[in-house]
């Protein structure tokens, strides 16, 4: 029996139209989505989703894209590929890379000190670095391994965010923070998710933190959005013996284009929310979905299902 036999595919009918690749409304080449003049920092930017997002920002003519990961050789190869892409479309975007372990305080501090010293201001921060879980239950994983995942998936993003918001000229121009999360945080009965509970636990913790953070700042100052990047083929699927031909995987250009759209004013209405990049953005911005977003501050946010907040009797202790 294959793991696929009892698995619900991570698809959604939240919008009537669902996408598996980039589409016109989120095309990074749209003038309305231009990232000209902006410097973008992407963690986990050397491969797969992060690299694709870097390419998307080059298509949108970002001033500079900086990619970060632990592997220097991977980063160098990625920069060469990104420069070739930029040249092929006559994009003015330049690229840089830094080998940094997002869980190491000294390395993170040194990175941001370097930006300050050279006069670099980050306008868009994409938090994509992540540690994937082993197929073990929480009580079997071992506290050291579990805490390592918290260090990378929770502490790392929050430390980068602290430094991002601490930039001297942070308030001089609109900023964007994108948290690349996962649908695993709400796929409660999926057998693959259940076999790797530490991943959904840590990613949910970080996503909840960004929900809270969005409550403290306006989208016009710092636009915060968490999104699932689609069903993309990678090492996690290989671990279960699933090949690329077995499922209808999404194209990497989908999260790349969505990240650019999510960094534009068109996405202001999703400030502080969680979305899936397969969902049609035109539908999200209209009809009942937009009405729910406008009227319910908890819509598309993590919470306890079935419990509604009520006014508490002041005499109750």
C-alpha atoms as a PDB file:
ATOM      1  CA  UNK A   1       0.000   0.000   0.000  1.00  0.00           C
ATOM      2  CA  UNK A   2       1.295   3.446  -0.939  1.00  0.00           C
ATOM      3  CA  UNK A   3       1.143   6.457   1.383  1.00  0.00           C
ATOM      4  CA  UNK A   4      -0.940   8.039  -1.380  1.00  0.00           C
ATOM      5  CA  UNK A   5      -3.785   5.556  -0.842  1.00  0.00           C
ATOM      6  CA  UNK A   6      -5.006   7.282   2.313  1.00  0.00           C
ATOM      7  CA  UNK A   7      -3.828  10.788   1.610  1.00  0.00           C
ATOM      8  CA  UNK A   8      -5.958  13.805   0.822  1.00  0.00           C
ATOM      9  CA  UNK A   9      -4.078  15.958  -1.637  1.00  0.00           C
ATOM     10  CA  UNK A  10      -3.312  19.486  -0.366  1.00  0.00           C
ATOM     11  CA  UNK A  11      -5.716  21.209  -2.730  1.00  0.00           C
ATOM     12  CA  UNK A  12      -8.311  23.846  -1.931  1.00  0.00           C
ATOM     13  CA  UNK A  13     -11.585  25.114  -3.333  1.00  0.00           C
ATOM     14  CA  UNK A  14     -11.398  28.289  -1.235  1.00  0.00           C
ATOM     15  CA  UNK A  15     -11.583  30.210  -4.507  1.00  0.00           C
ATOM     16  CA  UNK A  16     -13.491  28.785  -7.455  1.00  0.00           C
ATOM     17  CA  UNK A  17     -10.376  29.210  -9.595  1.00  0.00           C
ATOM     18  CA  UNK A  18      -7.172  27.513  -8.422  1.00  0.00           C
ATOM     19  CA  UNK A  19      -3.804  27.908 -10.126  1.00  0.00           C
ATOM     20  CA  UNK A  20      -0.831  25.585 -10.502  1.00  0.00           C
ATOM     21  CA  UNK A  21       1.442  28.061 -12.267  1.00  0.00           C
ATOM     22  CA  UNK A  22       1.839  31.818 -12.630  1.00  0.00           C
ATOM     23  CA  UNK A  23      -1.049  33.686 -14.280  1.00  0.00           C
ATOM     24  CA  UNK A  24      -1.601  37.222 -15.618  1.00  0.00           C
ATOM     25  CA  UNK A  25      -2.863  38.872 -12.400  1.00  0.00           C
ATOM     26  CA  UNK A  26       0.380  38.019 -10.569  1.00  0.00           C
ATOM     27  CA  UNK A  27       2.770  38.288 -13.509  1.00  0.00           C
ATOM     28  CA  UNK A  28       5.939  39.910 -12.077  1.00  0.00           C
ATOM     29  CA  UNK A  29       6.357  41.844 -15.316  1.00  0.00           C
ATOM     30  CA  UNK A  30       3.131  43.790 -14.725  1.00  0.00           C
ATOM     31  CA  UNK A  31       4.034  47.484 -14.270  1.00  0.00           C
ATOM     32  CA  UNK A  32       1.693  47.669 -11.266  1.00  0.00           C
ATOM     33  CA  UNK A  33       3.836  45.073  -9.472  1.00  0.00           C
ATOM     34  CA  UNK A  34       7.173  46.739 -10.178  1.00  0.00           C
ATOM     35  CA  UNK A  35       9.753  46.391  -7.414  1.00  0.00           C
ATOM     36  CA  UNK A  36      12.071  48.996  -8.923  1.00  0.00           C
ATOM     37  CA  UNK A  37      14.291  50.681  -6.347  1.00  0.00           C
ATOM     38  CA  UNK A  38      13.780  47.980  -3.726  1.00  0.00           C
ATOM     39  CA  UNK A  39      16.391  45.734  -2.143  1.00  0.00           C
ATOM     40  CA  UNK A  40      15.095  42.256  -1.355  1.00  0.00           C
ATOM     41  CA  UNK A  41      16.545  39.767   1.146  1.00  0.00           C
ATOM     42  CA  UNK A  42      15.553  36.102   0.818  1.00  0.00           C
ATOM     43  CA  UNK A  43      16.529  33.465   3.377  1.00  0.00           C
ATOM     44  CA  UNK A  44      16.880  29.964   1.990  1.00  0.00           C
ATOM     45  CA  UNK A  45      17.426  31.683  -1.325  1.00  0.00           C
ATOM     46  CA  UNK A  46      19.940  29.362  -2.968  1.00  0.00           C
ATOM     47  CA  UNK A  47      17.610  26.661  -4.268  1.00  0.00           C
ATOM     48  CA  UNK A  48      14.035  25.750  -5.152  1.00  0.00           C
ATOM     49  CA  UNK A  49      11.395  28.166  -3.792  1.00  0.00           C
ATOM     50  CA  UNK A  50      13.836  30.804  -2.578  1.00  0.00           C
ATOM     51  CA  UNK A  51      15.764  30.879  -5.823  1.00  0.00           C
ATOM     52  CA  UNK A  52      12.548  31.013  -7.850  1.00  0.00           C
ATOM     53  CA  UNK A  53      11.326  33.951  -5.742  1.00  0.00           C
ATOM     54  CA  UNK A  54      14.634  35.720  -6.363  1.00  0.00           C
ATOM     55  CA  UNK A  55      14.074  35.249 -10.085  1.00  0.00           C
ATOM     56  CA  UNK A  56      10.557  36.654  -9.755  1.00  0.00           C
ATOM     57  CA  UNK A  57      11.868  39.832  -8.142  1.00  0.00           C
ATOM     58  CA  UNK A  58      14.429  40.170 -10.929  1.00  0.00           C
ATOM     59  CA  UNK A  59      11.574  39.978 -13.433  1.00  0.00           C
ATOM     60  CA  UNK A  60       9.887  42.767 -11.436  1.00  0.00           C
ATOM     61  CA  UNK A  61      13.098  44.839 -11.741  1.00  0.00           C
ATOM     62  CA  UNK A  62      14.053  44.960  -8.062  1.00  0.00           C
ATOM     63  CA  UNK A  63      17.151  47.068  -7.506  1.00  0.00           C
ATOM     64  CA  UNK A  64      19.032  44.276  -5.725  1.00  0.00           C
ATOM     65  CA  UNK A  65      18.269  40.750  -4.512  1.00  0.00           C
ATOM     66  CA  UNK A  66      20.331  39.274  -1.683  1.00  0.00           C
ATOM     67  CA  UNK A  67      20.085  35.534  -1.069  1.00  0.00           C
ATOM     68  CA  UNK A  68      21.099  33.808   2.148  1.00  0.00           C
ATOM     69  CA  UNK A  69      21.671  30.167   3.055  1.00  0.00           C
ATOM     70  CA  UNK A  70      24.292  28.035   4.750  1.00  0.00           C
ATOM     71  CA  UNK A  71      25.963  26.632   1.628  1.00  0.00           C
ATOM     72  CA  UNK A  72      28.387  29.051  -0.028  1.00  0.00           C
ATOM     73  CA  UNK A  73      28.865  26.944  -3.161  1.00  0.00           C
ATOM     74  CA  UNK A  74      25.113  26.627  -3.704  1.00  0.00           C
ATOM     75  CA  UNK A  75      24.718  30.380  -3.293  1.00  0.00           C
ATOM     76  CA  UNK A  76      27.473  31.142  -5.802  1.00  0.00           C
ATOM     77  CA  UNK A  77      25.883  28.855  -8.397  1.00  0.00           C
ATOM     78  CA  UNK A  78      22.479  30.415  -7.763  1.00  0.00           C
ATOM     79  CA  UNK A  79      23.803  33.951  -8.249  1.00  0.00           C
ATOM     80  CA  UNK A  80      25.274  32.964 -11.622  1.00  0.00           C
ATOM     81  CA  UNK A  81      21.931  31.510 -12.724  1.00  0.00           C
ATOM     82  CA  UNK A  82      20.039  34.576 -11.490  1.00  0.00           C
ATOM     83  CA  UNK A  83      22.411  36.955 -13.253  1.00  0.00           C
ATOM     84  CA  UNK A  84      21.918  35.006 -16.470  1.00  0.00           C
ATOM     85  CA  UNK A  85      18.147  35.248 -16.089  1.00  0.00           C
ATOM     86  CA  UNK A  86      18.312  38.999 -15.427  1.00  0.00           C
ATOM     87  CA  UNK A  87      20.512  39.505 -18.475  1.00  0.00           C
ATOM     88  CA  UNK A  88      18.164  37.472 -20.675  1.00  0.00           C
ATOM     89  CA  UNK A  89      15.217  39.759 -19.868  1.00  0.00           C
ATOM     90  CA  UNK A  90      17.281  42.954 -19.654  1.00  0.00           C
ATOM     91  CA  UNK A  91      16.496  43.388 -15.954  1.00  0.00           C
ATOM     92  CA  UNK A  92      18.648  45.890 -14.022  1.00  0.00           C
ATOM     93  CA  UNK A  93      18.565  43.719 -10.872  1.00  0.00           C
ATOM     94  CA  UNK A  94      21.899  42.943  -9.228  1.00  0.00           C
ATOM     95  CA  UNK A  95      22.526  40.027  -6.892  1.00  0.00           C
ATOM     96  CA  UNK A  96      24.573  39.236  -3.809  1.00  0.00           C
ATOM     97  CA  UNK A  97      24.801  36.265  -1.463  1.00  0.00           C
ATOM     98  CA  UNK A  98      25.843  35.608   2.130  1.00  0.00           C
ATOM     99  CA  UNK A  99      26.470  32.257   3.774  1.00  0.00           C
ATOM    100  CA  UNK A 100      24.515  32.476   7.027  1.00  0.00           C
ATOM    101  CA  UNK A 101      22.955  29.928   9.368  1.00  0.00           C
ATOM    102  CA  UNK A 102      19.706  31.629  10.396  1.00  0.00           C
ATOM    103  CA  UNK A 103      19.782  29.878  13.785  1.00  0.00           C
ATOM    104  CA  UNK A 104      23.229  31.247  14.719  1.00  0.00           C
ATOM    105  CA  UNK A 105      22.917  34.570  16.548  1.00  0.00           C
ATOM    106  CA  UNK A 106      26.439  35.787  15.764  1.00  0.00           C
ATOM    107  CA  UNK A 107      26.036  35.150  12.034  1.00  0.00           C
ATOM    108  CA  UNK A 108      22.684  36.925  11.872  1.00  0.00           C
ATOM    109  CA  UNK A 109      23.980  39.925  13.823  1.00  0.00           C
ATOM    110  CA  UNK A 110      27.068  40.151  11.604  1.00  0.00           C
ATOM    111  CA  UNK A 111      24.948  40.063   8.447  1.00  0.00           C
ATOM    112  CA  UNK A 112      22.758  42.970   9.508  1.00  0.00           C
ATOM    113  CA  UNK A 113      25.699  44.952  10.886  1.00  0.00           C
ATOM    114  CA  UNK A 114      27.278  44.574   7.479  1.00  0.00           C
ATOM    115  CA  UNK A 115      24.179  45.935   5.776  1.00  0.00           C
ATOM    116  CA  UNK A 116      24.188  48.958   8.089  1.00  0.00           C
ATOM    117  CA  UNK A 117      27.896  49.604   7.529  1.00  0.00           C
ATOM    118  CA  UNK A 118      27.564  49.582   3.741  1.00  0.00           C
ATOM    119  CA  UNK A 119      24.376  51.653   3.779  1.00  0.00           C
ATOM    120  CA  UNK A 120      22.123  48.864   2.512  1.00  0.00           C
ATOM    121  CA  UNK A 121      18.456  49.071   3.474  1.00  0.00           C
ATOM    122  CA  UNK A 122      16.245  46.020   3.034  1.00  0.00           C
ATOM    123  CA  UNK A 123      12.760  46.913   1.802  1.00  0.00           C
ATOM    124  CA  UNK A 124      11.414  43.383   1.306  1.00  0.00           C
ATOM    125  CA  UNK A 125      12.235  40.460   3.605  1.00  0.00           C
ATOM    126  CA  UNK A 126      11.243  36.971   2.435  1.00  0.00           C
ATOM    127  CA  UNK A 127      11.544  34.359   5.189  1.00  0.00           C
ATOM    128  CA  UNK A 128      11.918  31.074   3.363  1.00  0.00           C
ATOM    129  CA  UNK A 129      14.665  29.145   5.195  1.00  0.00           C
ATOM    130  CA  UNK A 130      13.342  26.066   6.963  1.00  0.00           C
ATOM    131  CA  UNK A 131      14.365  22.780   8.500  1.00  0.00           C
ATOM    132  CA  UNK A 132      12.230  19.838   7.453  1.00  0.00           C
ATOM    133  CA  UNK A 133      11.166  17.275  10.026  1.00  0.00           C
ATOM    134  CA  UNK A 134      12.048  13.645  10.446  1.00  0.00           C
ATOM    135  CA  UNK A 135       9.285  11.070  10.249  1.00  0.00           C
ATOM    136  CA  UNK A 136       9.011  10.717  14.019  1.00  0.00           C
ATOM    137  CA  UNK A 137       6.440  11.584  16.641  1.00  0.00           C
ATOM    138  CA  UNK A 138       7.201  14.454  19.001  1.00  0.00           C
ATOM    139  CA  UNK A 139       7.893  12.229  22.016  1.00  0.00           C
ATOM    140  CA  UNK A 140      10.246  10.065  19.936  1.00  0.00           C
ATOM    141  CA  UNK A 141      12.152  12.830  18.174  1.00  0.00           C
ATOM    142  CA  UNK A 142      14.359  13.879  21.071  1.00  0.00           C
ATOM    143  CA  UNK A 143      14.336  17.342  22.587  1.00  0.00           C
ATOM    144  CA  UNK A 144      17.626  18.394  20.981  1.00  0.00           C
ATOM    145  CA  UNK A 145      16.394  17.706  17.456  1.00  0.00           C
ATOM    146  CA  UNK A 146      13.001  19.256  18.198  1.00  0.00           C
ATOM    147  CA  UNK A 147      14.586  22.397  19.599  1.00  0.00           C
ATOM    148  CA  UNK A 148      16.902  22.618  16.587  1.00  0.00           C
ATOM    149  CA  UNK A 149      13.808  22.845  14.416  1.00  0.00           C
ATOM    150  CA  UNK A 150      12.451  25.619  16.639  1.00  0.00           C
ATOM    151  CA  UNK A 151      15.793  27.436  16.334  1.00  0.00           C
ATOM    152  CA  UNK A 152      15.619  27.394  12.528  1.00  0.00           C
ATOM    153  CA  UNK A 153      11.864  27.607  11.865  1.00  0.00           C
ATOM    154  CA  UNK A 154      10.858  30.018  14.639  1.00  0.00           C
ATOM    155  CA  UNK A 155      13.836  31.778  16.203  1.00  0.00           C
ATOM    156  CA  UNK A 156      15.572  32.381  12.859  1.00  0.00           C
ATOM    157  CA  UNK A 157      12.635  34.180  11.210  1.00  0.00           C
ATOM    158  CA  UNK A 158      11.934  36.218  14.336  1.00  0.00           C
ATOM    159  CA  UNK A 159      15.589  37.235  14.705  1.00  0.00           C
ATOM    160  CA  UNK A 160      15.727  38.357  11.068  1.00  0.00           C
ATOM    161  CA  UNK A 161      12.490  40.274  11.608  1.00  0.00           C
ATOM    162  CA  UNK A 162      13.899  42.016  14.681  1.00  0.00           C
ATOM    163  CA  UNK A 163      16.923  43.176  12.702  1.00  0.00           C
ATOM    164  CA  UNK A 164      14.750  44.121   9.723  1.00  0.00           C
ATOM    165  CA  UNK A 165      12.511  46.324  11.831  1.00  0.00           C
ATOM    166  CA  UNK A 166      15.534  47.738  13.666  1.00  0.00           C
ATOM    167  CA  UNK A 167      17.029  49.332  10.553  1.00  0.00           C
ATOM    168  CA  UNK A 168      17.758  53.025  11.169  1.00  0.00           C
ATOM    169  CA  UNK A 169      15.698  54.192   8.207  1.00  0.00           C
ATOM    170  CA  UNK A 170      12.985  51.537   8.531  1.00  0.00           C
ATOM    171  CA  UNK A 171      10.155  54.085   8.615  1.00  0.00           C
ATOM    172  CA  UNK A 172      11.342  56.119   5.633  1.00  0.00           C
ATOM    173  CA  UNK A 173       9.621  53.927   3.054  1.00  0.00           C
ATOM    174  CA  UNK A 174       7.000  51.118   2.974  1.00  0.00           C
ATOM    175  CA  UNK A 175       8.377  47.695   3.836  1.00  0.00           C
ATOM    176  CA  UNK A 176       7.192  44.122   3.199  1.00  0.00           C
ATOM    177  CA  UNK A 177       7.634  40.898   5.170  1.00  0.00           C
ATOM    178  CA  UNK A 178       6.648  37.600   3.567  1.00  0.00           C
ATOM    179  CA  UNK A 179       6.552  34.445   5.675  1.00  0.00           C
ATOM    180  CA  UNK A 180       6.755  31.336   3.499  1.00  0.00           C
ATOM    181  CA  UNK A 181       4.856  28.840   5.619  1.00  0.00           C
ATOM    182  CA  UNK A 182       3.048  25.590   4.847  1.00  0.00           C
ATOM    183  CA  UNK A 183      -0.435  24.146   4.461  1.00  0.00           C
ATOM    184  CA  UNK A 184       0.689  21.511   6.976  1.00  0.00           C
ATOM    185  CA  UNK A 185      -0.325  23.934   9.746  1.00  0.00           C
ATOM    186  CA  UNK A 186      -3.993  23.239   8.987  1.00  0.00           C
ATOM    187  CA  UNK A 187      -3.947  19.789   7.317  1.00  0.00           C
ATOM    188  CA  UNK A 188      -5.064  18.042  10.490  1.00  0.00           C
ATOM    189  CA  UNK A 189      -5.628  14.533   9.125  1.00  0.00           C
ATOM    190  CA  UNK A 190      -3.076  14.151   6.343  1.00  0.00           C
ATOM    191  CA  UNK A 191      -0.903  11.046   7.007  1.00  0.00           C
ATOM    192  CA  UNK A 192       2.305  12.712   5.807  1.00  0.00           C
ATOM    193  CA  UNK A 193       1.693  15.706   8.063  1.00  0.00           C
ATOM    194  CA  UNK A 194       0.855  13.429  10.996  1.00  0.00           C
ATOM    195  CA  UNK A 195       4.105  11.523  10.507  1.00  0.00           C
ATOM    196  CA  UNK A 196       6.146  14.755  10.784  1.00  0.00           C
ATOM    197  CA  UNK A 197       4.406  16.723  13.556  1.00  0.00           C
ATOM    198  CA  UNK A 198       7.410  18.860  14.461  1.00  0.00           C
ATOM    199  CA  UNK A 199       7.310  20.603  11.093  1.00  0.00           C
ATOM    200  CA  UNK A 200       3.696  21.746  11.335  1.00  0.00           C
ATOM    201  CA  UNK A 201       4.268  22.650  14.999  1.00  0.00           C
ATOM    202  CA  UNK A 202       7.214  24.939  14.331  1.00  0.00           C
ATOM    203  CA  UNK A 203       5.797  26.502  11.177  1.00  0.00           C
ATOM    204  CA  UNK A 204       2.494  27.160  12.936  1.00  0.00           C
ATOM    205  CA  UNK A 205       4.327  28.867  15.802  1.00  0.00           C
ATOM    206  CA  UNK A 206       6.130  31.233  13.433  1.00  0.00           C
ATOM    207  CA  UNK A 207       2.987  31.932  11.425  1.00  0.00           C
ATOM    208  CA  UNK A 208       1.046  32.763  14.576  1.00  0.00           C
ATOM    209  CA  UNK A 209       3.831  35.149  15.606  1.00  0.00           C
ATOM    210  CA  UNK A 210       3.484  37.052  12.337  1.00  0.00           C
ATOM    211  CA  UNK A 211      -0.290  37.228  12.771  1.00  0.00           C
ATOM    212  CA  UNK A 212       0.334  38.910  16.115  1.00  0.00           C
ATOM    213  CA  UNK A 213       2.995  41.221  14.723  1.00  0.00           C
ATOM    214  CA  UNK A 214       0.685  42.446  11.978  1.00  0.00           C
ATOM    215  CA  UNK A 215      -1.718  43.692  14.654  1.00  0.00           C
ATOM    216  CA  UNK A 216       0.914  46.176  15.825  1.00  0.00           C
ATOM    217  CA  UNK A 217       1.658  47.924  12.539  1.00  0.00           C
ATOM    218  CA  UNK A 218      -0.236  49.161   9.480  1.00  0.00           C
ATOM    219  CA  UNK A 219       0.152  47.552   6.073  1.00  0.00           C
ATOM    220  CA  UNK A 220       1.242  50.895   4.639  1.00  0.00           C
ATOM    221  CA  UNK A 221       4.277  50.754   6.953  1.00  0.00           C
ATOM    222  CA  UNK A 222       5.024  47.028   6.990  1.00  0.00           C
ATOM    223  CA  UNK A 223       2.900  44.704   4.905  1.00  0.00           C
ATOM    224  CA  UNK A 224       2.986  41.215   6.481  1.00  0.00           C
ATOM    225  CA  UNK A 225       1.644  38.156   4.727  1.00  0.00           C
ATOM    226  CA  UNK A 226       2.090  34.416   5.332  1.00  0.00           C
ATOM    227  CA  UNK A 227       1.567  32.042   2.430  1.00  0.00           C
ATOM    228  CA  UNK A 228       1.761  28.389   1.506  1.00  0.00           C
ATOM    229  CA  UNK A 229       3.895  28.132  -1.669  1.00  0.00           C
ATOM    230  CA  UNK A 230       1.897  25.374  -3.324  1.00  0.00           C
ATOM    231  CA  UNK A 231       2.482  21.661  -3.781  1.00  0.00           C
ATOM    232  CA  UNK A 232       6.044  21.642  -5.056  1.00  0.00           C
ATOM    233  CA  UNK A 233       8.217  18.609  -5.623  1.00  0.00           C
ATOM    234  CA  UNK A 234      11.292  18.254  -3.442  1.00  0.00           C
ATOM    235  CA  UNK A 235      13.227  16.100  -1.006  1.00  0.00           C
ATOM    236  CA  UNK A 236      10.297  15.839   1.404  1.00  0.00           C
ATOM    237  CA  UNK A 237       8.277  13.952  -1.198  1.00  0.00           C
ATOM    238  CA  UNK A 238      11.254  11.786  -2.173  1.00  0.00           C
ATOM    239  CA  UNK A 239      11.491  10.585   1.436  1.00  0.00           C
ATOM    240  CA  UNK A 240       8.075   8.972   1.009  1.00  0.00           C
ATOM    241  CA  UNK A 241       9.033   7.317  -2.279  1.00  0.00           C
ATOM    242  CA  UNK A 242       6.881   9.708  -4.305  1.00  0.00           C
ATOM    243  CA  UNK A 243       8.195  10.633  -7.741  1.00  0.00           C
ATOM    244  CA  UNK A 244       7.446  13.827  -9.638  1.00  0.00           C
ATOM    245  CA  UNK A 245       5.171  11.935 -12.006  1.00  0.00           C
ATOM    246  CA  UNK A 246       2.857  10.569  -9.296  1.00  0.00           C
ATOM    247  CA  UNK A 247       1.071  13.821  -8.413  1.00  0.00           C
ATOM    248  CA  UNK A 248       0.074  17.055 -10.172  1.00  0.00           C
ATOM    249  CA  UNK A 249       2.774  19.218  -8.645  1.00  0.00           C
ATOM    250  CA  UNK A 250       2.747  22.986  -9.042  1.00  0.00           C
ATOM    251  CA  UNK A 251       5.272  25.013 -11.008  1.00  0.00           C
ATOM    252  CA  UNK A 252       7.950  26.996  -9.167  1.00  0.00           C
ATOM    253  CA  UNK A 253       6.933  30.104 -11.065  1.00  0.00           C
ATOM    254  CA  UNK A 254       3.721  30.191  -8.984  1.00  0.00           C
ATOM    255  CA  UNK A 255       5.287  31.101  -5.592  1.00  0.00           C
ATOM    256  CA  UNK A 256       7.793  33.302  -7.434  1.00  0.00           C
ATOM    257  CA  UNK A 257       5.075  35.392  -9.037  1.00  0.00           C
ATOM    258  CA  UNK A 258       2.849  35.321  -5.959  1.00  0.00           C
ATOM    259  CA  UNK A 259       5.647  36.668  -3.747  1.00  0.00           C
ATOM    260  CA  UNK A 260       6.057  39.666  -6.044  1.00  0.00           C
ATOM    261  CA  UNK A 261       2.311  40.318  -6.070  1.00  0.00           C
ATOM    262  CA  UNK A 262       2.206  39.947  -2.272  1.00  0.00           C
ATOM    263  CA  UNK A 263       4.863  42.675  -2.031  1.00  0.00           C
ATOM    264  CA  UNK A 264       2.697  45.165  -3.888  1.00  0.00           C
ATOM    265  CA  UNK A 265      -0.032  47.496  -2.580  1.00  0.00           C
ATOM    266  CA  UNK A 266      -2.570  45.247  -4.304  1.00  0.00           C
ATOM    267  CA  UNK A 267      -2.078  42.789  -1.416  1.00  0.00           C
ATOM    268  CA  UNK A 268      -2.676  45.316   1.394  1.00  0.00           C
ATOM    269  CA  UNK A 269      -6.067  43.757   2.128  1.00  0.00           C
ATOM    270  CA  UNK A 270      -4.336  40.503   3.172  1.00  0.00           C
ATOM    271  CA  UNK A 271      -2.135  42.150   5.797  1.00  0.00           C
ATOM    272  CA  UNK A 272      -1.586  39.728   8.678  1.00  0.00           C
ATOM    273  CA  UNK A 273      -3.422  36.816   7.037  1.00  0.00           C
ATOM    274  CA  UNK A 274      -2.509  33.340   5.792  1.00  0.00           C
ATOM    275  CA  UNK A 275      -3.251  32.398   2.191  1.00  0.00           C
ATOM    276  CA  UNK A 276      -2.371  29.709  -0.327  1.00  0.00           C
ATOM    277  CA  UNK A 277      -0.698  30.871  -3.515  1.00  0.00           C
ATOM    278  CA  UNK A 278      -2.976  28.614  -5.583  1.00  0.00           C
ATOM    279  CA  UNK A 279      -5.953  30.813  -4.671  1.00  0.00           C
ATOM    280  CA  UNK A 280      -6.991  33.308  -7.312  1.00  0.00           C
ATOM    281  CA  UNK A 281      -6.061  36.796  -6.099  1.00  0.00           C
ATOM    282  CA  UNK A 282      -8.841  38.511  -8.036  1.00  0.00           C
ATOM    283  CA  UNK A 283     -11.415  36.374  -6.219  1.00  0.00           C
ATOM    284  CA  UNK A 284      -9.702  36.976  -2.878  1.00  0.00           C
ATOM    285  CA  UNK A 285     -10.074  40.716  -3.399  1.00  0.00           C
ATOM    286  CA  UNK A 286     -13.784  40.573  -4.146  1.00  0.00           C
ATOM    287  CA  UNK A 287     -17.127  39.155  -3.063  1.00  0.00           C
ATOM    288  CA  UNK A 288     -17.696  37.280   0.181  1.00  0.00           C
ATOM    289  CA  UNK A 289     -13.997  36.692   0.823  1.00  0.00           C
ATOM    290  CA  UNK A 290     -13.199  40.404   0.797  1.00  0.00           C
ATOM    291  CA  UNK A 291     -16.277  41.070   2.938  1.00  0.00           C
ATOM    292  CA  UNK A 292     -15.139  38.486   5.491  1.00  0.00           C
ATOM    293  CA  UNK A 293     -11.640  39.961   5.549  1.00  0.00           C
ATOM    294  CA  UNK A 294     -13.016  43.452   6.108  1.00  0.00           C
ATOM    295  CA  UNK A 295     -15.436  42.409   8.847  1.00  0.00           C
ATOM    296  CA  UNK A 296     -13.553  39.663  10.694  1.00  0.00           C
ATOM    297  CA  UNK A 297     -10.003  40.390  11.914  1.00  0.00           C
ATOM    298  CA  UNK A 298      -9.516  36.667  12.641  1.00  0.00           C
ATOM    299  CA  UNK A 299     -10.453  35.504   9.150  1.00  0.00           C
ATOM    300  CA  UNK A 300      -7.643  33.445   7.546  1.00  0.00           C
ATOM    301  CA  UNK A 301      -5.676  33.426  10.793  1.00  0.00           C
ATOM    302  CA  UNK A 302      -4.717  30.654  13.183  1.00  0.00           C
ATOM    303  CA  UNK A 303      -7.113  30.045  16.073  1.00  0.00           C
ATOM    304  CA  UNK A 304      -9.241  27.489  17.866  1.00  0.00           C
ATOM    305  CA  UNK A 305     -11.983  26.084  15.646  1.00  0.00           C
ATOM    306  CA  UNK A 306     -15.449  26.259  17.188  1.00  0.00           C
ATOM    307  CA  UNK A 307     -14.705  28.863  19.851  1.00  0.00           C
ATOM    308  CA  UNK A 308     -15.872  32.456  19.531  1.00  0.00           C
ATOM    309  CA  UNK A 309     -14.699  35.307  21.738  1.00  0.00           C
ATOM    310  CA  UNK A 310     -17.397  36.695  24.051  1.00  0.00           C
ATOM    311  CA  UNK A 311     -17.578  39.572  26.495  1.00  0.00           C
ATOM    312  CA  UNK A 312     -16.576  38.251  29.856  1.00  0.00           C
ATOM    313  CA  UNK A 313     -18.673  38.927  32.973  1.00  0.00           C
ATOM    314  CA  UNK A 314     -16.497  41.306  35.069  1.00  0.00           C
ATOM    315  CA  UNK A 315     -17.695  39.551  38.225  1.00  0.00           C
ATOM    316  CA  UNK A 316     -16.242  36.246  37.058  1.00  0.00           C
ATOM    317  CA  UNK A 317     -12.969  35.228  38.732  1.00  0.00           C
END
